[in-house]
Amino acid sequence: MAKKQKIKCDVESCKHQNTEDEVCELNEIKVSCNCNNDECESNDETVCESFESVEDDIDDDDIGIEVETNEEEEEEEEYSEENPETE
């Protein structure tokens, strides 16, 4: 028997969270605790183990960062470090 439940979630840094509807887009999640399973006393002790950070999916290309290297400057720096000028 299939249950038609929604998992409400307001953790915007999770890649599974639909920010518009504030629900988790996964069909199921795993919830665990950081205490002895029989002795949880508050929701601070529980955690969604299905959490995946949005930042894990972001790389330099996704956010439009271009890394430029100036080989000529790097070569000059290496040369000056190897051959310091004497006065």
N, C-alpha and C. Protein backbone atom coordinates (compact mmCIF):
# COMPACT_ATOMS: atom_id res chain seq x y z
N MET A 1 0.84 -1.17 0.00
CA MET A 1 0.00 0.00 0.00
C MET A 1 0.89 1.24 0.00
N ALA A 2 0.71 2.11 -0.96
CA ALA A 2 1.51 3.33 -1.09
C ALA A 2 0.87 4.46 -0.29
N LYS A 3 1.71 5.13 0.47
CA LYS A 3 1.25 6.30 1.23
C LYS A 3 1.55 7.53 0.41
N LYS A 4 0.65 8.47 0.39
CA LYS A 4 0.87 9.72 -0.32
C LYS A 4 1.15 10.80 0.70
N GLN A 5 2.42 10.83 1.13
CA GLN A 5 2.82 11.80 2.13
C GLN A 5 3.77 12.81 1.52
N LYS A 6 3.81 13.98 2.10
CA LYS A 6 4.78 15.00 1.73
C LYS A 6 5.74 15.14 2.89
N ILE A 7 6.99 15.28 2.56
CA ILE A 7 8.00 15.53 3.58
C ILE A 7 8.27 17.03 3.57
N LYS A 8 7.80 17.72 4.59
CA LYS A 8 8.02 19.15 4.67
C LYS A 8 9.47 19.41 5.08
N CYS A 9 10.08 20.35 4.40
CA CYS A 9 11.49 20.64 4.65
C CYS A 9 11.76 22.10 4.36
N ASP A 10 12.40 22.80 5.29
CA ASP A 10 12.75 24.19 5.06
C ASP A 10 14.26 24.40 5.05
N VAL A 11 15.00 23.34 4.77
CA VAL A 11 16.46 23.42 4.71
C VAL A 11 16.87 23.77 3.28
N GLU A 12 17.03 25.07 3.04
CA GLU A 12 17.30 25.54 1.69
C GLU A 12 18.67 25.12 1.17
N SER A 13 19.58 24.74 2.04
CA SER A 13 20.91 24.32 1.59
C SER A 13 20.95 22.85 1.16
N CYS A 14 19.82 22.17 1.23
CA CYS A 14 19.75 20.77 0.78
C CYS A 14 19.32 20.74 -0.68
N LYS A 15 20.03 19.96 -1.47
CA LYS A 15 19.72 19.94 -2.90
C LYS A 15 18.40 19.23 -3.20
N HIS A 16 17.85 18.51 -2.25
CA HIS A 16 16.58 17.80 -2.46
C HIS A 16 15.37 18.65 -2.08
N GLN A 17 15.60 19.83 -1.52
CA GLN A 17 14.50 20.67 -1.06
C GLN A 17 13.97 21.52 -2.19
N ASN A 18 12.66 21.52 -2.36
CA ASN A 18 11.99 22.39 -3.32
C ASN A 18 11.70 23.69 -2.59
N THR A 19 12.46 24.73 -2.91
CA THR A 19 12.33 25.99 -2.16
C THR A 19 10.98 26.66 -2.36
N GLU A 20 10.36 26.44 -3.48
CA GLU A 20 9.07 27.07 -3.74
C GLU A 20 7.98 26.48 -2.84
N ASP A 21 7.94 25.16 -2.74
CA ASP A 21 6.90 24.49 -1.96
C ASP A 21 7.35 24.10 -0.55
N GLU A 22 8.64 24.26 -0.25
CA GLU A 22 9.23 23.85 1.02
C GLU A 22 8.93 22.39 1.34
N VAL A 23 9.17 21.52 0.37
CA VAL A 23 9.03 20.08 0.57
C VAL A 23 10.27 19.38 0.02
N CYS A 24 10.53 18.20 0.55
CA CYS A 24 11.61 17.38 0.07
C CYS A 24 11.14 16.66 -1.20
N GLU A 25 12.00 16.62 -2.22
CA GLU A 25 11.62 15.98 -3.48
C GLU A 25 11.93 14.49 -3.50
N LEU A 26 12.55 13.97 -2.46
CA LEU A 26 12.83 12.53 -2.40
C LEU A 26 11.57 11.75 -2.07
N ASN A 27 11.49 10.52 -2.55
CA ASN A 27 10.36 9.65 -2.22
C ASN A 27 10.45 9.12 -0.80
N GLU A 28 11.66 9.02 -0.30
CA GLU A 28 11.86 8.58 1.08
C GLU A 28 13.15 9.19 1.60
N ILE A 29 13.24 9.31 2.91
CA ILE A 29 14.44 9.82 3.56
C ILE A 29 14.80 8.90 4.71
N LYS A 30 16.03 9.03 5.18
CA LYS A 30 16.46 8.28 6.37
C LYS A 30 16.70 9.30 7.48
N VAL A 31 16.03 9.09 8.59
CA VAL A 31 16.21 9.93 9.77
C VAL A 31 16.88 9.10 10.84
N SER A 32 17.92 9.66 11.43
CA SER A 32 18.59 8.97 12.52
C SER A 32 18.85 9.97 13.64
N CYS A 33 19.52 9.52 14.66
CA CYS A 33 19.81 10.42 15.78
C CYS A 33 21.26 10.31 16.18
N ASN A 34 21.71 11.30 16.91
CA ASN A 34 23.08 11.30 17.38
C ASN A 34 23.15 10.92 18.86
N CYS A 35 22.19 10.16 19.29
CA CYS A 35 22.15 9.65 20.66
C CYS A 35 21.81 8.17 20.60
N ASN A 36 21.65 7.55 21.74
CA ASN A 36 21.20 6.17 21.78
C ASN A 36 19.77 6.15 21.23
N ASN A 37 19.49 5.34 20.26
CA ASN A 37 18.19 5.33 19.57
C ASN A 37 16.99 5.27 20.51
N ASP A 38 17.14 4.66 21.64
CA ASP A 38 16.02 4.53 22.57
C ASP A 38 15.85 5.74 23.49
N GLU A 39 16.81 6.65 23.47
CA GLU A 39 16.82 7.71 24.46
C GLU A 39 16.77 9.12 23.89
N CYS A 40 16.26 9.30 22.69
CA CYS A 40 16.15 10.66 22.13
C CYS A 40 15.10 11.43 22.93
N GLU A 41 15.46 12.66 23.25
CA GLU A 41 14.56 13.48 24.05
C GLU A 41 14.15 14.77 23.37
N SER A 42 14.81 15.13 22.26
CA SER A 42 14.44 16.36 21.57
C SER A 42 14.77 16.23 20.08
N ASN A 43 14.18 17.11 19.29
CA ASN A 43 14.44 17.05 17.86
C ASN A 43 15.86 17.52 17.51
N ASP A 44 16.56 18.15 18.45
CA ASP A 44 17.96 18.52 18.23
C ASP A 44 18.84 17.29 18.07
N GLU A 45 18.37 16.17 18.55
CA GLU A 45 19.16 14.94 18.50
C GLU A 45 18.90 14.13 17.23
N THR A 46 17.98 14.58 16.40
CA THR A 46 17.68 13.85 15.17
C THR A 46 18.25 14.57 13.96
N VAL A 47 18.49 13.80 12.92
CA VAL A 47 19.11 14.36 11.72
C VAL A 47 18.63 13.60 10.48
N CYS A 48 18.47 14.34 9.39
CA CYS A 48 18.09 13.73 8.11
C CYS A 48 19.38 13.26 7.44
N GLU A 49 19.53 11.97 7.31
CA GLU A 49 20.74 11.43 6.69
C GLU A 49 20.68 11.48 5.17
N SER A 50 19.58 11.91 4.61
CA SER A 50 19.45 12.03 3.16
C SER A 50 19.92 13.40 2.68
N PHE A 51 20.28 14.28 3.61
CA PHE A 51 20.74 15.62 3.28
C PHE A 51 21.96 15.58 2.37
N GLU A 52 21.93 16.38 1.31
CA GLU A 52 23.08 16.60 0.44
C GLU A 52 23.14 18.09 0.16
N SER A 53 24.29 18.67 0.39
CA SER A 53 24.44 20.11 0.25
C SER A 53 24.32 20.55 -1.20
N VAL A 54 23.66 21.68 -1.39
CA VAL A 54 23.57 22.28 -2.72
C VAL A 54 24.96 22.61 -3.22
N GLU A 55 25.85 23.03 -2.33
CA GLU A 55 27.20 23.42 -2.71
C GLU A 55 28.00 22.27 -3.28
N ASP A 56 27.66 21.02 -2.96
CA ASP A 56 28.37 19.88 -3.51
C ASP A 56 28.22 19.79 -5.02
N ASP A 57 27.15 20.33 -5.56
CA ASP A 57 26.90 20.27 -6.99
C ASP A 57 27.46 21.46 -7.75
N ILE A 58 27.93 22.48 -7.04
CA ILE A 58 28.39 23.70 -7.69
C ILE A 58 29.88 23.57 -7.98
N ASP A 59 30.24 23.82 -9.23
CA ASP A 59 31.65 23.95 -9.55
C ASP A 59 31.86 25.29 -10.22
N ASP A 60 33.09 25.60 -10.55
CA ASP A 60 33.41 26.92 -11.10
C ASP A 60 32.62 27.24 -12.36
N ASP A 61 32.38 26.25 -13.21
CA ASP A 61 31.64 26.49 -14.46
C ASP A 61 30.19 26.87 -14.19
N ASP A 62 29.59 26.28 -13.14
CA ASP A 62 28.19 26.54 -12.83
C ASP A 62 27.94 27.98 -12.40
N ILE A 63 28.91 28.59 -11.75
CA ILE A 63 28.69 29.93 -11.23
C ILE A 63 29.42 30.99 -12.04
N GLY A 64 29.95 30.60 -13.18
CA GLY A 64 30.54 31.56 -14.10
C GLY A 64 31.90 32.09 -13.70
N ILE A 65 32.62 31.35 -12.89
CA ILE A 65 33.96 31.80 -12.50
C ILE A 65 34.95 31.26 -13.53
N GLU A 66 35.75 32.18 -14.04
CA GLU A 66 36.81 31.76 -14.95
C GLU A 66 38.13 32.00 -14.26
N VAL A 67 38.95 31.00 -14.26
CA VAL A 67 40.26 31.13 -13.63
C VAL A 67 41.26 31.36 -14.74
N GLU A 68 41.87 32.53 -14.72
CA GLU A 68 42.87 32.86 -15.73
C GLU A 68 44.24 32.78 -15.10
N THR A 69 45.14 32.21 -15.84
CA THR A 69 46.52 32.18 -15.35
C THR A 69 47.36 32.97 -16.32
N ASN A 70 48.27 33.68 -15.79
CA ASN A 70 49.19 34.45 -16.60
C ASN A 70 50.53 33.76 -16.51
N GLU A 71 50.81 32.91 -17.50
CA GLU A 71 52.03 32.10 -17.47
C GLU A 71 53.27 32.96 -17.47
N GLU A 72 53.22 34.09 -18.17
CA GLU A 72 54.38 34.97 -18.25
C GLU A 72 54.74 35.51 -16.86
N GLU A 73 53.73 35.95 -16.09
CA GLU A 73 53.99 36.46 -14.74
C GLU A 73 54.52 35.36 -13.84
N GLU A 74 53.95 34.16 -13.95
CA GLU A 74 54.40 33.05 -13.12
C GLU A 74 55.85 32.72 -13.41
N GLU A 75 56.24 32.73 -14.70
CA GLU A 75 57.62 32.44 -15.07
C GLU A 75 58.55 33.50 -14.51
N GLU A 76 58.13 34.79 -14.56
CA GLU A 76 58.96 35.87 -14.03
C GLU A 76 59.14 35.71 -12.53
N GLU A 77 58.07 35.34 -11.82
CA GLU A 77 58.17 35.15 -10.37
C GLU A 77 59.11 34.01 -10.05
N GLU A 78 58.98 32.89 -10.77
CA GLU A 78 59.88 31.76 -10.54
C GLU A 78 61.32 32.15 -10.78
N TYR A 79 61.57 32.90 -11.87
CA TYR A 79 62.93 33.31 -12.21
C TYR A 79 63.49 34.21 -11.12
N SER A 80 62.71 35.16 -10.63
CA SER A 80 63.20 36.09 -9.62
C SER A 80 63.44 35.38 -8.28
N GLU A 81 62.69 34.35 -7.99
CA GLU A 81 62.91 33.59 -6.75
C GLU A 81 64.18 32.76 -6.87
N GLU A 82 64.45 32.22 -8.07
CA GLU A 82 65.63 31.40 -8.27
C GLU A 82 66.89 32.26 -8.39
N ASN A 83 66.76 33.46 -8.93
CA ASN A 83 67.88 34.34 -9.18
C ASN A 83 67.65 35.70 -8.53
N PRO A 84 67.80 35.78 -7.24
CA PRO A 84 67.55 37.07 -6.59
C PRO A 84 68.58 38.11 -7.04
N GLU A 85 68.12 39.35 -7.19
CA GLU A 85 69.00 40.44 -7.63
C GLU A 85 69.92 40.83 -6.47
N THR A 86 71.16 41.08 -6.81
CA THR A 86 72.10 41.55 -5.80
C THR A 86 72.45 42.98 -6.11
N GLU A 87 72.64 43.78 -5.06
CA GLU A 87 72.97 45.20 -5.23
C GLU A 87 74.42 45.43 -4.99
